[in-house]
PDB file of N, CA and C in Angstrom:
ATOM      1  N   UNK A   1      14.716 -15.854 -43.453  1.00  0.00           N
ATOM      2  CA  UNK A   1      15.081 -16.291 -42.124  1.00  0.00           C
ATOM      3  C   UNK A   1      15.691 -15.143 -41.328  1.00  0.00           C
ATOM      4  N   UNK A   2      16.564 -14.378 -41.984  1.00  0.00           N
ATOM      5  CA  UNK A   2      17.189 -13.247 -41.304  1.00  0.00           C
ATOM      6  C   UNK A   2      16.149 -12.191 -40.930  1.00  0.00           C
ATOM      7  N   UNK A   3      15.173 -12.011 -41.801  1.00  0.00           N
ATOM      8  CA  UNK A   3      14.117 -11.028 -41.552  1.00  0.00           C
ATOM      9  C   UNK A   3      13.333 -11.419 -40.301  1.00  0.00           C
ATOM     10  N   UNK A   4      12.985 -12.684 -40.187  1.00  0.00           N
ATOM     11  CA  UNK A   4      12.260 -13.151 -39.001  1.00  0.00           C
ATOM     12  C   UNK A   4      13.092 -12.982 -37.742  1.00  0.00           C
ATOM     13  N   UNK A   5      14.377 -13.242 -37.838  1.00  0.00           N
ATOM     14  CA  UNK A   5      15.261 -13.096 -36.696  1.00  0.00           C
ATOM     15  C   UNK A   5      15.347 -11.630 -36.254  1.00  0.00           C
ATOM     16  N   UNK A   6      15.470 -10.737 -37.224  1.00  0.00           N
ATOM     17  CA  UNK A   6      15.542  -9.300 -36.922  1.00  0.00           C
ATOM     18  C   UNK A   6      14.221  -8.815 -36.328  1.00  0.00           C
ATOM     19  N   UNK A   7      13.085  -9.231 -36.888  1.00  0.00           N
ATOM     20  CA  UNK A   7      11.779  -8.833 -36.346  1.00  0.00           C
ATOM     21  C   UNK A   7      11.589  -9.357 -34.929  1.00  0.00           C
ATOM     22  N   UNK A   8      12.040 -10.572 -34.692  1.00  0.00           N
ATOM     23  CA  UNK A   8      11.954 -11.155 -33.357  1.00  0.00           C
ATOM     24  C   UNK A   8      12.798 -10.355 -32.362  1.00  0.00           C
ATOM     25  N   UNK A   9      13.992  -9.963 -32.760  1.00  0.00           N
ATOM     26  CA  UNK A   9      14.877  -9.176 -31.907  1.00  0.00           C
ATOM     27  C   UNK A   9      14.265  -7.804 -31.601  1.00  0.00           C
ATOM     28  N   UNK A  10      13.676  -7.181 -32.601  1.00  0.00           N
ATOM     29  CA  UNK A  10      13.022  -5.882 -32.397  1.00  0.00           C
ATOM     30  C   UNK A  10      11.853  -6.019 -31.419  1.00  0.00           C
ATOM     31  N   UNK A  11      11.076  -7.073 -31.546  1.00  0.00           N
ATOM     32  CA  UNK A  11       9.939  -7.292 -30.649  1.00  0.00           C
ATOM     33  C   UNK A  11      10.407  -7.483 -29.216  1.00  0.00           C
ATOM     34  N   UNK A  12      11.483  -8.225 -29.007  1.00  0.00           N
ATOM     35  CA  UNK A  12      12.014  -8.464 -27.656  1.00  0.00           C
ATOM     36  C   UNK A  12      12.501  -7.156 -27.036  1.00  0.00           C
ATOM     37  N   UNK A  13      13.207  -6.340 -27.820  1.00  0.00           N
ATOM     38  CA  UNK A  13      13.718  -5.065 -27.318  1.00  0.00           C
ATOM     39  C   UNK A  13      12.560  -4.128 -26.954  1.00  0.00           C
ATOM     40  N   UNK A  14      11.548  -4.080 -27.788  1.00  0.00           N
ATOM     41  CA  UNK A  14      10.382  -3.223 -27.516  1.00  0.00           C
ATOM     42  C   UNK A  14       9.661  -3.666 -26.250  1.00  0.00           C
ATOM     43  N   UNK A  15       9.453  -4.953 -26.086  1.00  0.00           N
ATOM     44  CA  UNK A  15       8.783  -5.459 -24.889  1.00  0.00           C
ATOM     45  C   UNK A  15       9.606  -5.205 -23.627  1.00  0.00           C
ATOM     46  N   UNK A  16      10.912  -5.335 -23.730  1.00  0.00           N
ATOM     47  CA  UNK A  16      11.780  -5.083 -22.576  1.00  0.00           C
ATOM     48  C   UNK A  16      11.699  -3.618 -22.155  1.00  0.00           C
ATOM     49  N   UNK A  17      11.711  -2.710 -23.130  1.00  0.00           N
ATOM     50  CA  UNK A  17      11.597  -1.278 -22.815  1.00  0.00           C
ATOM     51  C   UNK A  17      10.238  -0.950 -22.210  1.00  0.00           C
ATOM     52  N   UNK A  18       9.193  -1.553 -22.728  1.00  0.00           N
ATOM     53  CA  UNK A  18       7.847  -1.320 -22.206  1.00  0.00           C
ATOM     54  C   UNK A  18       7.742  -1.813 -20.764  1.00  0.00           C
ATOM     55  N   UNK A  19       8.271  -2.990 -20.473  1.00  0.00           N
ATOM     56  CA  UNK A  19       8.227  -3.539 -19.115  1.00  0.00           C
ATOM     57  C   UNK A  19       9.035  -2.673 -18.161  1.00  0.00           C
ATOM     58  N   UNK A  20      10.176  -2.184 -18.603  1.00  0.00           N
ATOM     59  CA  UNK A  20      11.000  -1.325 -17.752  1.00  0.00           C
ATOM     60  C   UNK A  20      10.293   0.001 -17.467  1.00  0.00           C
ATOM     61  N   UNK A  21       9.638   0.570 -18.461  1.00  0.00           N
ATOM     62  CA  UNK A  21       8.915   1.836 -18.278  1.00  0.00           C
ATOM     63  C   UNK A  21       7.775   1.663 -17.279  1.00  0.00           C
ATOM     64  N   UNK A  22       7.039   0.571 -17.350  1.00  0.00           N
ATOM     65  CA  UNK A  22       5.948   0.324 -16.408  1.00  0.00           C
ATOM     66  C   UNK A  22       6.475   0.103 -15.008  1.00  0.00           C
ATOM     67  N   UNK A  23       7.597  -0.561 -14.870  1.00  0.00           N
ATOM     68  CA  UNK A  23       8.166  -0.858 -13.560  1.00  0.00           C
ATOM     69  C   UNK A  23       8.655   0.413 -12.872  1.00  0.00           C
ATOM     70  N   UNK A  24       9.323   1.302 -13.586  1.00  0.00           N
ATOM     71  CA  UNK A  24       9.821   2.528 -12.972  1.00  0.00           C
ATOM     72  C   UNK A  24       8.684   3.476 -12.633  1.00  0.00           C
ATOM     73  N   UNK A  25       7.598   3.454 -13.393  1.00  0.00           N
ATOM     74  CA  UNK A  25       6.453   4.314 -13.102  1.00  0.00           C
ATOM     75  C   UNK A  25       5.820   3.928 -11.774  1.00  0.00           C
ATOM     76  N   UNK A  26       5.665   2.643 -11.518  1.00  0.00           N
ATOM     77  CA  UNK A  26       5.011   2.209 -10.285  1.00  0.00           C
ATOM     78  C   UNK A  26       5.861   2.522  -9.065  1.00  0.00           C
ATOM     79  N   UNK A  27       7.176   2.584  -9.219  1.00  0.00           N
ATOM     80  CA  UNK A  27       8.048   2.905  -8.086  1.00  0.00           C
ATOM     81  C   UNK A  27       7.980   4.380  -7.726  1.00  0.00           C
ATOM     82  N   UNK A  28       7.742   5.241  -8.716  1.00  0.00           N
ATOM     83  CA  UNK A  28       7.738   6.669  -8.453  1.00  0.00           C
ATOM     84  C   UNK A  28       6.373   7.187  -8.018  1.00  0.00           C
ATOM     85  N   UNK A  29       5.308   6.431  -8.263  1.00  0.00           N
ATOM     86  CA  UNK A  29       3.978   6.866  -7.845  1.00  0.00           C
ATOM     87  C   UNK A  29       3.891   6.870  -6.326  1.00  0.00           C
ATOM     88  N   UNK A  30       3.331   7.933  -5.772  1.00  0.00           N
ATOM     89  CA  UNK A  30       3.156   8.011  -4.324  1.00  0.00           C
ATOM     90  C   UNK A  30       1.715   7.655  -3.999  1.00  0.00           C
ATOM     91  N   UNK A  31       1.547   6.577  -3.269  1.00  0.00           N
ATOM     92  CA  UNK A  31       0.216   6.132  -2.888  1.00  0.00           C
ATOM     93  C   UNK A  31       0.087   6.324  -1.388  1.00  0.00           C
ATOM     94  N   UNK A  32      -0.806   7.222  -0.993  1.00  0.00           N
ATOM     95  CA  UNK A  32      -1.028   7.441   0.430  1.00  0.00           C
ATOM     96  C   UNK A  32      -2.204   6.611   0.892  1.00  0.00           C
ATOM     97  N   UNK A  33      -2.126   6.196   2.137  1.00  0.00           N
ATOM     98  CA  UNK A  33      -3.195   5.416   2.754  1.00  0.00           C
ATOM     99  C   UNK A  33      -4.319   6.370   3.135  1.00  0.00           C
ATOM    100  N   UNK A  34      -5.552   6.026   2.761  1.00  0.00           N
ATOM    101  CA  UNK A  34      -6.709   6.845   3.126  1.00  0.00           C
ATOM    102  C   UNK A  34      -7.192   6.453   4.529  1.00  0.00           C
ATOM    103  N   UNK A  35      -8.124   7.233   5.075  1.00  0.00           N
ATOM    104  CA  UNK A  35      -8.700   6.897   6.385  1.00  0.00           C
ATOM    105  C   UNK A  35      -9.370   5.536   6.350  1.00  0.00           C
ATOM    106  N   UNK A  36     -10.096   5.284   5.281  1.00  0.00           N
ATOM    107  CA  UNK A  36     -10.812   4.013   5.142  1.00  0.00           C
ATOM    108  C   UNK A  36      -9.835   2.840   5.114  1.00  0.00           C
ATOM    109  N   UNK A  37      -8.759   2.987   4.339  1.00  0.00           N
ATOM    110  CA  UNK A  37      -7.745   1.933   4.254  1.00  0.00           C
ATOM    111  C   UNK A  37      -7.029   1.766   5.596  1.00  0.00           C
ATOM    112  N   UNK A  38      -6.827   2.858   6.325  1.00  0.00           N
ATOM    113  CA  UNK A  38      -6.186   2.792   7.644  1.00  0.00           C
ATOM    114  C   UNK A  38      -7.026   1.956   8.610  1.00  0.00           C
ATOM    115  N   UNK A  39      -8.338   2.141   8.566  1.00  0.00           N
ATOM    116  CA  UNK A  39      -9.228   1.354   9.430  1.00  0.00           C
ATOM    117  C   UNK A  39      -9.173  -0.126   9.043  1.00  0.00           C
ATOM    118  N   UNK A  40      -9.165  -0.402   7.754  1.00  0.00           N
ATOM    119  CA  UNK A  40      -9.094  -1.797   7.293  1.00  0.00           C
ATOM    120  C   UNK A  40      -7.792  -2.440   7.757  1.00  0.00           C
ATOM    121  N   UNK A  41      -6.677  -1.732   7.621  1.00  0.00           N
ATOM    122  CA  UNK A  41      -5.386  -2.266   8.065  1.00  0.00           C
ATOM    123  C   UNK A  41      -5.360  -2.480   9.571  1.00  0.00           C
ATOM    124  N   UNK A  42      -5.944  -1.550  10.329  1.00  0.00           N
ATOM    125  CA  UNK A  42      -5.983  -1.680  11.787  1.00  0.00           C
ATOM    126  C   UNK A  42      -6.826  -2.875  12.210  1.00  0.00           C
ATOM    127  N   UNK A  43      -7.972  -3.061  11.557  1.00  0.00           N
ATOM    128  CA  UNK A  43      -8.860  -4.182  11.912  1.00  0.00           C
ATOM    129  C   UNK A  43      -8.270  -5.527  11.511  1.00  0.00           C
ATOM    130  N   UNK A  44      -7.388  -5.549  10.522  1.00  0.00           N
ATOM    131  CA  UNK A  44      -6.696  -6.789  10.177  1.00  0.00           C
ATOM    132  C   UNK A  44      -5.718  -7.173  11.275  1.00  0.00           C
ATOM    133  N   UNK A  45      -5.207  -6.181  11.989  1.00  0.00           N
ATOM    134  CA  UNK A  45      -4.263  -6.420  13.077  1.00  0.00           C
ATOM    135  C   UNK A  45      -4.980  -6.747  14.384  1.00  0.00           C
ATOM    136  N   UNK A  46      -6.012  -5.987  14.706  1.00  0.00           N
ATOM    137  CA  UNK A  46      -6.736  -6.140  15.964  1.00  0.00           C
ATOM    138  C   UNK A  46      -8.232  -6.152  15.686  1.00  0.00           C
ATOM    139  N   UNK A  47      -8.904  -7.209  16.094  1.00  0.00           N
ATOM    140  CA  UNK A  47     -10.344  -7.314  15.874  1.00  0.00           C
ATOM    141  C   UNK A  47     -11.083  -6.500  16.931  1.00  0.00           C
ATOM    142  N   UNK A  48     -12.149  -5.826  16.541  1.00  0.00           N
ATOM    143  CA  UNK A  48     -12.944  -5.047  17.483  1.00  0.00           C
ATOM    144  C   UNK A  48     -13.740  -3.969  16.761  1.00  0.00           C
ATOM    145  N   UNK A  49     -14.244  -3.027  17.560  1.00  0.00           N
ATOM    146  CA  UNK A  49     -15.066  -1.934  17.044  1.00  0.00           C
ATOM    147  C   UNK A  49     -14.239  -0.657  16.989  1.00  0.00           C
ATOM    148  N   UNK A  50     -14.290   0.026  15.863  1.00  0.00           N
ATOM    149  CA  UNK A  50     -13.550   1.278  15.711  1.00  0.00           C
ATOM    150  C   UNK A  50     -14.258   2.380  16.500  1.00  0.00           C
ATOM    151  N   UNK A  51     -13.507   3.028  17.381  1.00  0.00           N
ATOM    152  CA  UNK A  51     -14.070   4.109  18.193  1.00  0.00           C
ATOM    153  C   UNK A  51     -13.754   5.481  17.618  1.00  0.00           C
ATOM    154  N   UNK A  52     -12.501   5.664  17.161  1.00  0.00           N
ATOM    155  CA  UNK A  52     -12.072   6.992  16.740  1.00  0.00           C
ATOM    156  C   UNK A  52     -10.918   6.871  15.743  1.00  0.00           C
ATOM    157  N   UNK A  53     -10.866   7.831  14.821  1.00  0.00           N
ATOM    158  CA  UNK A  53      -9.764   7.914  13.867  1.00  0.00           C
ATOM    159  C   UNK A  53      -9.221   9.340  13.928  1.00  0.00           C
ATOM    160  N   UNK A  54      -7.925   9.449  14.230  1.00  0.00           N
ATOM    161  CA  UNK A  54      -7.268  10.759  14.258  1.00  0.00           C
ATOM    162  C   UNK A  54      -6.236  10.811  13.152  1.00  0.00           C
ATOM    163  N   UNK A  55      -6.105  11.979  12.537  1.00  0.00           N
ATOM    164  CA  UNK A  55      -5.136  12.140  11.454  1.00  0.00           C
ATOM    165  C   UNK A  55      -4.014  13.063  11.895  1.00  0.00           C
ATOM    166  N   UNK A  56      -2.793  12.580  11.804  1.00  0.00           N
ATOM    167  CA  UNK A  56      -1.598  13.376  12.075  1.00  0.00           C
ATOM    168  C   UNK A  56      -0.893  13.625  10.740  1.00  0.00           C
ATOM    169  N   UNK A  57       0.252  14.264  10.784  1.00  0.00           N
ATOM    170  CA  UNK A  57       0.982  14.559   9.553  1.00  0.00           C
ATOM    171  C   UNK A  57       1.469  13.296   8.857  1.00  0.00           C
ATOM    172  N   UNK A  58       2.057  12.364   9.619  1.00  0.00           N
ATOM    173  CA  UNK A  58       2.679  11.179   9.033  1.00  0.00           C
ATOM    174  C   UNK A  58       1.880   9.897   9.207  1.00  0.00           C
ATOM    175  N   UNK A  59       0.871   9.921  10.072  1.00  0.00           N
ATOM    176  CA  UNK A  59       0.149   8.681  10.355  1.00  0.00           C
ATOM    177  C   UNK A  59      -1.284   8.944  10.791  1.00  0.00           C
ATOM    178  N   UNK A  60      -2.098   7.875  10.760  1.00  0.00           N
ATOM    179  CA  UNK A  60      -3.439   7.876  11.339  1.00  0.00           C
ATOM    180  C   UNK A  60      -3.362   7.128  12.662  1.00  0.00           C
ATOM    181  N   UNK A  61      -4.145   7.551  13.642  1.00  0.00           N
ATOM    182  CA  UNK A  61      -4.307   6.793  14.871  1.00  0.00           C
ATOM    183  C   UNK A  61      -5.730   6.257  14.878  1.00  0.00           C
ATOM    184  N   UNK A  62      -5.848   4.927  14.949  1.00  0.00           N
ATOM    185  CA  UNK A  62      -7.156   4.278  14.963  1.00  0.00           C
ATOM    186  C   UNK A  62      -7.342   3.658  16.340  1.00  0.00           C
ATOM    187  N   UNK A  63      -8.392   4.085  17.044  1.00  0.00           N
ATOM    188  CA  UNK A  63      -8.704   3.552  18.381  1.00  0.00           C
ATOM    189  C   UNK A  63      -9.755   2.461  18.227  1.00  0.00           C
ATOM    190  N   UNK A  64      -9.435   1.273  18.759  1.00  0.00           N
ATOM    191  CA  UNK A  64     -10.311   0.113  18.622  1.00  0.00           C
ATOM    192  C   UNK A  64     -10.665  -0.438  19.999  1.00  0.00           C
ATOM    193  N   UNK A  65     -11.967  -0.732  20.187  1.00  0.00           N
ATOM    194  CA  UNK A  65     -12.456  -1.388  21.394  1.00  0.00           C
ATOM    195  C   UNK A  65     -12.523  -2.884  21.124  1.00  0.00           C
ATOM    196  N   UNK A  66     -11.723  -3.655  21.864  1.00  0.00           N
ATOM    197  CA  UNK A  66     -11.696  -5.105  21.689  1.00  0.00           C
ATOM    198  C   UNK A  66     -12.862  -5.747  22.438  1.00  0.00           C
ATOM    199  N   UNK A  67     -13.144  -7.000  22.132  1.00  0.00           N
ATOM    200  CA  UNK A  67     -14.263  -7.722  22.739  1.00  0.00           C
ATOM    201  C   UNK A  67     -14.097  -7.875  24.243  1.00  0.00           C
ATOM    202  N   UNK A  68     -12.847  -7.915  24.728  1.00  0.00           N
ATOM    203  CA  UNK A  68     -12.610  -8.072  26.162  1.00  0.00           C
ATOM    204  C   UNK A  68     -12.672  -6.749  26.933  1.00  0.00           C
ATOM    205  N   UNK A  69     -12.992  -5.651  26.231  1.00  0.00           N
ATOM    206  CA  UNK A  69     -13.155  -4.355  26.884  1.00  0.00           C
ATOM    207  C   UNK A  69     -11.926  -3.463  26.832  1.00  0.00           C
ATOM    208  N   UNK A  70     -10.803  -3.978  26.391  1.00  0.00           N
ATOM    209  CA  UNK A  70      -9.584  -3.178  26.282  1.00  0.00           C
ATOM    210  C   UNK A  70      -9.661  -2.255  25.068  1.00  0.00           C
ATOM    211  N   UNK A  71      -9.079  -1.077  25.219  1.00  0.00           N
ATOM    212  CA  UNK A  71      -9.006  -0.120  24.119  1.00  0.00           C
ATOM    213  C   UNK A  71      -7.566  -0.095  23.612  1.00  0.00           C
ATOM    214  N   UNK A  72      -7.402  -0.206  22.302  1.00  0.00           N
ATOM    215  CA  UNK A  72      -6.078  -0.241  21.687  1.00  0.00           C
ATOM    216  C   UNK A  72      -5.969   0.892  20.677  1.00  0.00           C
ATOM    217  N   UNK A  73      -4.855   1.628  20.734  1.00  0.00           N
ATOM    218  CA  UNK A  73      -4.567   2.651  19.732  1.00  0.00           C
ATOM    219  C   UNK A  73      -3.519   2.102  18.771  1.00  0.00           C
ATOM    220  N   UNK A  74      -3.822   2.154  17.486  1.00  0.00           N
ATOM    221  CA  UNK A  74      -2.895   1.686  16.458  1.00  0.00           C
ATOM    222  C   UNK A  74      -2.517   2.857  15.566  1.00  0.00           C
ATOM    223  N   UNK A  75      -1.237   2.963  15.262  1.00  0.00           N
ATOM    224  CA  UNK A  75      -0.751   4.015  14.368  1.00  0.00           C
ATOM    225  C   UNK A  75      -0.470   3.395  13.012  1.00  0.00           C
ATOM    226  N   UNK A  76      -1.066   3.985  11.973  1.00  0.00           N
ATOM    227  CA  UNK A  76      -0.891   3.502  10.609  1.00  0.00           C
ATOM    228  C   UNK A  76      -0.135   4.564   9.818  1.00  0.00           C
ATOM    229  N   UNK A  77       1.039   4.200   9.318  1.00  0.00           N
ATOM    230  CA  UNK A  77       1.862   5.099   8.531  1.00  0.00           C
ATOM    231  C   UNK A  77       1.146   5.427   7.222  1.00  0.00           C
ATOM    232  N   UNK A  78       1.029   6.717   6.907  1.00  0.00           N
ATOM    233  CA  UNK A  78       0.302   7.145   5.700  1.00  0.00           C
ATOM    234  C   UNK A  78       1.004   6.731   4.414  1.00  0.00           C
ATOM    235  N   UNK A  79       2.302   6.680   4.419  1.00  0.00           N
ATOM    236  CA  UNK A  79       3.054   6.362   3.201  1.00  0.00           C
ATOM    237  C   UNK A  79       3.164   4.862   2.968  1.00  0.00           C
ATOM    238  N   UNK A  80       3.464   4.095   4.038  1.00  0.00           N
ATOM    239  CA  UNK A  80       3.767   2.680   3.879  1.00  0.00           C
ATOM    240  C   UNK A  80       2.619   1.755   4.258  1.00  0.00           C
ATOM    241  N   UNK A  81       1.689   2.224   5.103  1.00  0.00           N
ATOM    242  CA  UNK A  81       0.615   1.368   5.580  1.00  0.00           C
ATOM    243  C   UNK A  81       1.037   0.490   6.742  1.00  0.00           C
ATOM    244  N   UNK A  82       2.245   0.716   7.270  1.00  0.00           N
ATOM    245  CA  UNK A  82       2.740  -0.079   8.401  1.00  0.00           C
ATOM    246  C   UNK A  82       1.899   0.218   9.646  1.00  0.00           C
ATOM    247  N   UNK A  83       1.545  -0.843  10.394  1.00  0.00           N
ATOM    248  CA  UNK A  83       0.708  -0.717  11.592  1.00  0.00           C
ATOM    249  C   UNK A  83       1.579  -0.944  12.821  1.00  0.00           C
ATOM    250  N   UNK A  84       1.492  -0.016  13.787  1.00  0.00           N
ATOM    251  CA  UNK A  84       2.217  -0.150  15.053  1.00  0.00           C
ATOM    252  C   UNK A  84       1.263   0.078  16.199  1.00  0.00           C
ATOM    253  N   UNK A  85       1.414  -0.733  17.268  1.00  0.00           N
ATOM    254  CA  UNK A  85       0.611  -0.509  18.469  1.00  0.00           C
ATOM    255  C   UNK A  85       1.211   0.649  19.232  1.00  0.00           C
ATOM    256  N   UNK A  86       0.349   1.501  19.769  1.00  0.00           N
ATOM    257  CA  UNK A  86       0.796   2.674  20.517  1.00  0.00           C
ATOM    258  C   UNK A  86       1.047   2.343  21.964  1.00  0.00           C
TER     259      UNK A  86
END
């Protein structure tokens, strides 16, 4: 009985360490938004036809032509994927 209890405790400790290692790895990985992903994020915010994509140091600017004829510039943060209207 004691052996089973000790083995169970060892298994729980090992799983906890493994879960913690995976969690800290995902926080430190830097995932940048690609041009393709920037367009997808922009189109989720504003429906229309993509006219132009410009790349700056910190963000992409995606120009979209809406169905009503208006042109909208959206800035997509490269690090976070946050979309802001210009």
